[in-house]
């Protein structure tokens, strides 16, 4: 085998390994569960357990949310997300008063969802704020480019 042919084979193998690695990372990355589609599935009156099943786990409290955002902002030196203009909201209105009980927040790669619960643990309000990372990483940019 000639030297050029061996180099071509090595370069081809190297590129194949790189592409398989990137493809594997993209395929093995868990899907984002905090999305507009999951917001549409959550209904006023659902239990917290039903919401957790849709969103893939427990949310964090309001205090934990603010602490998390402060840590990210301090680490980056600026607010960590750029809102993309998507804001959705729905709430139960009782006697013309908006009732807000304890709220939980879920973070996703493209947004955050805040769900308010009544004293019985049922959804009484929900909001979704879409965003983009202020400093997207390679996988975020690749997902955007591929439209995933």
Protein backbone atom coordinates (compact mmCIF):
# COMPACT_ATOMS: atom_id res chain seq x y z
CA UNK A 1 0.00 0.00 0.00
CA UNK A 2 1.39 3.39 -0.89
CA UNK A 3 2.09 6.09 1.68
CA UNK A 4 -0.68 8.34 0.25
CA UNK A 5 -3.21 5.53 0.46
CA UNK A 6 -2.30 4.78 4.10
CA UNK A 7 -2.60 8.47 5.00
CA UNK A 8 -6.00 8.65 3.32
CA UNK A 9 -7.19 5.57 5.22
CA UNK A 10 -5.96 7.00 8.55
CA UNK A 11 -7.59 10.38 7.90
CA UNK A 12 -10.83 8.65 6.90
CA UNK A 13 -10.80 6.53 10.07
CA UNK A 14 -10.02 9.58 12.20
CA UNK A 15 -12.93 11.54 10.68
CA UNK A 16 -15.28 8.56 11.06
CA UNK A 17 -14.39 8.27 14.76
CA UNK A 18 -14.96 12.01 15.28
CA UNK A 19 -18.34 11.91 13.52
CA UNK A 20 -19.42 8.82 15.47
CA UNK A 21 -18.42 10.53 18.72
CA UNK A 22 -20.38 13.69 17.94
CA UNK A 23 -23.36 11.63 16.77
CA UNK A 24 -23.24 9.55 19.93
CA UNK A 25 -23.18 12.61 22.16
CA UNK A 26 -26.13 14.13 20.29
CA UNK A 27 -28.15 10.92 20.42
CA UNK A 28 -27.35 10.13 24.06
CA UNK A 29 -28.09 13.64 25.32
CA UNK A 30 -31.42 13.39 27.08
CA UNK A 31 -34.25 15.32 25.48
CA UNK A 32 -35.21 18.64 27.01
CA UNK A 33 -38.40 18.10 29.02
CA UNK A 34 -39.01 21.76 29.87
CA UNK A 35 -40.52 22.85 26.56
CA UNK A 36 -43.54 24.53 25.08
CA UNK A 37 -44.98 21.05 24.36
CA UNK A 38 -44.69 20.00 28.01
CA UNK A 39 -46.22 23.33 29.09
CA UNK A 40 -49.21 22.49 26.87
CA UNK A 41 -49.60 19.09 28.62
CA UNK A 42 -49.78 20.59 32.11
CA UNK A 43 -53.33 21.48 33.13
CA UNK A 44 -54.76 23.53 35.97
CA UNK A 45 -55.79 21.08 38.72
CA UNK A 46 -53.09 18.45 38.03
CA UNK A 47 -51.17 17.12 41.01
CA UNK A 48 -47.52 17.91 41.62
CA UNK A 49 -46.64 14.25 40.94
CA UNK A 50 -48.32 14.45 37.51
CA UNK A 51 -46.30 17.59 36.72
CA UNK A 52 -43.08 15.90 37.86
CA UNK A 53 -43.82 12.97 35.55
CA UNK A 54 -44.16 15.33 32.58
CA UNK A 55 -41.11 17.45 33.45
CA UNK A 56 -38.85 14.58 34.51
CA UNK A 57 -38.42 15.22 38.22
CA UNK A 58 -38.98 17.60 41.08
CA UNK A 59 -38.78 21.34 40.66
CA UNK A 60 -36.93 23.75 42.92
CA UNK A 61 -38.43 26.24 45.36
CA UNK A 62 -38.48 29.98 44.81
CA UNK A 63 -35.53 30.52 47.18
CA UNK A 64 -33.50 27.81 45.43
CA UNK A 65 -34.36 29.39 42.06
CA UNK A 66 -33.09 32.82 43.13
CA UNK A 67 -29.94 31.31 44.69
CA UNK A 68 -29.27 29.32 41.50
CA UNK A 69 -29.65 32.39 39.30
CA UNK A 70 -27.40 34.50 41.58
CA UNK A 71 -24.66 31.85 41.44
CA UNK A 72 -24.86 31.61 37.63
CA UNK A 73 -24.89 35.39 37.25
CA UNK A 74 -21.89 35.79 39.56
CA UNK A 75 -19.97 33.04 37.76
CA UNK A 76 -20.63 34.53 34.31
CA UNK A 77 -20.54 38.20 35.27
CA UNK A 78 -23.93 38.76 33.62
CA UNK A 79 -27.42 37.30 33.48
CA UNK A 80 -26.96 33.75 32.13
CA UNK A 81 -29.83 33.71 29.64
CA UNK A 82 -31.20 35.85 26.83
CA UNK A 83 -34.99 35.64 26.68
CA UNK A 84 -36.22 34.82 23.19
CA UNK A 85 -39.58 36.54 23.52
CA UNK A 86 -41.63 33.41 24.24
CA UNK A 87 -43.65 33.91 27.41
CA UNK A 88 -46.70 31.79 28.15
CA UNK A 89 -48.96 31.98 31.16
CA UNK A 90 -52.14 30.47 32.51
CA UNK A 91 -53.71 30.73 35.93
CA UNK A 92 -56.84 29.84 37.79
CA UNK A 93 -58.83 32.91 38.73
CA UNK A 94 -61.05 32.58 41.76
CA UNK A 95 -63.56 35.37 42.45
CA UNK A 96 -61.51 37.73 40.24
CA UNK A 97 -58.43 37.25 42.44
CA UNK A 98 -55.32 35.48 41.25
CA UNK A 99 -54.40 32.87 43.82
CA UNK A 100 -50.69 32.02 44.06
CA UNK A 101 -49.61 29.27 46.39
CA UNK A 102 -46.16 27.74 46.67
CA UNK A 103 -44.40 27.68 43.31
CA UNK A 104 -41.75 25.37 41.88
CA UNK A 105 -39.40 26.05 38.97
CA UNK A 106 -37.97 23.68 36.37
CA UNK A 107 -35.04 24.58 34.11
CA UNK A 108 -34.51 23.33 30.59
CA UNK A 109 -31.95 24.09 27.91
CA UNK A 110 -34.37 26.46 26.15
CA UNK A 111 -36.51 27.84 28.94
CA UNK A 112 -37.82 27.68 32.47
CA UNK A 113 -41.24 26.73 33.74
CA UNK A 114 -42.77 27.96 36.95
CA UNK A 115 -45.78 26.13 38.36
CA UNK A 116 -47.85 27.50 41.24
CA UNK A 117 -49.60 24.98 43.49
CA UNK A 118 -52.53 25.40 45.86
CA UNK A 119 -52.49 24.14 49.45
CA UNK A 120 -53.69 20.72 48.23
CA UNK A 121 -50.73 20.34 45.86
CA UNK A 122 -52.68 20.99 42.64
CA UNK A 123 -51.60 23.27 39.80
CA UNK A 124 -53.21 26.70 39.98
CA UNK A 125 -50.87 28.62 37.68
CA UNK A 126 -48.13 27.98 35.13
CA UNK A 127 -45.70 30.10 33.19
CA UNK A 128 -43.05 29.31 30.60
CA UNK A 129 -40.23 31.66 29.62
CA UNK A 130 -38.23 30.67 26.55
CA UNK A 131 -34.55 31.63 26.40
CA UNK A 132 -31.22 31.06 24.75
CA UNK A 133 -28.01 30.55 26.71
CA UNK A 134 -26.09 33.85 26.86
CA UNK A 135 -22.95 31.86 26.03
CA UNK A 136 -24.06 28.78 24.07
CA UNK A 137 -21.70 25.81 23.98
CA UNK A 138 -20.85 23.75 20.91
CA UNK A 139 -23.72 21.28 21.48
CA UNK A 140 -26.26 24.12 21.84
CA UNK A 141 -25.07 25.67 18.59
CA UNK A 142 -25.12 22.28 16.82
CA UNK A 143 -28.66 21.57 18.08
CA UNK A 144 -29.78 25.00 16.85
CA UNK A 145 -28.16 24.43 13.46
CA UNK A 146 -29.79 21.00 13.13
CA UNK A 147 -33.13 22.37 14.36
CA UNK A 148 -33.41 19.95 17.33
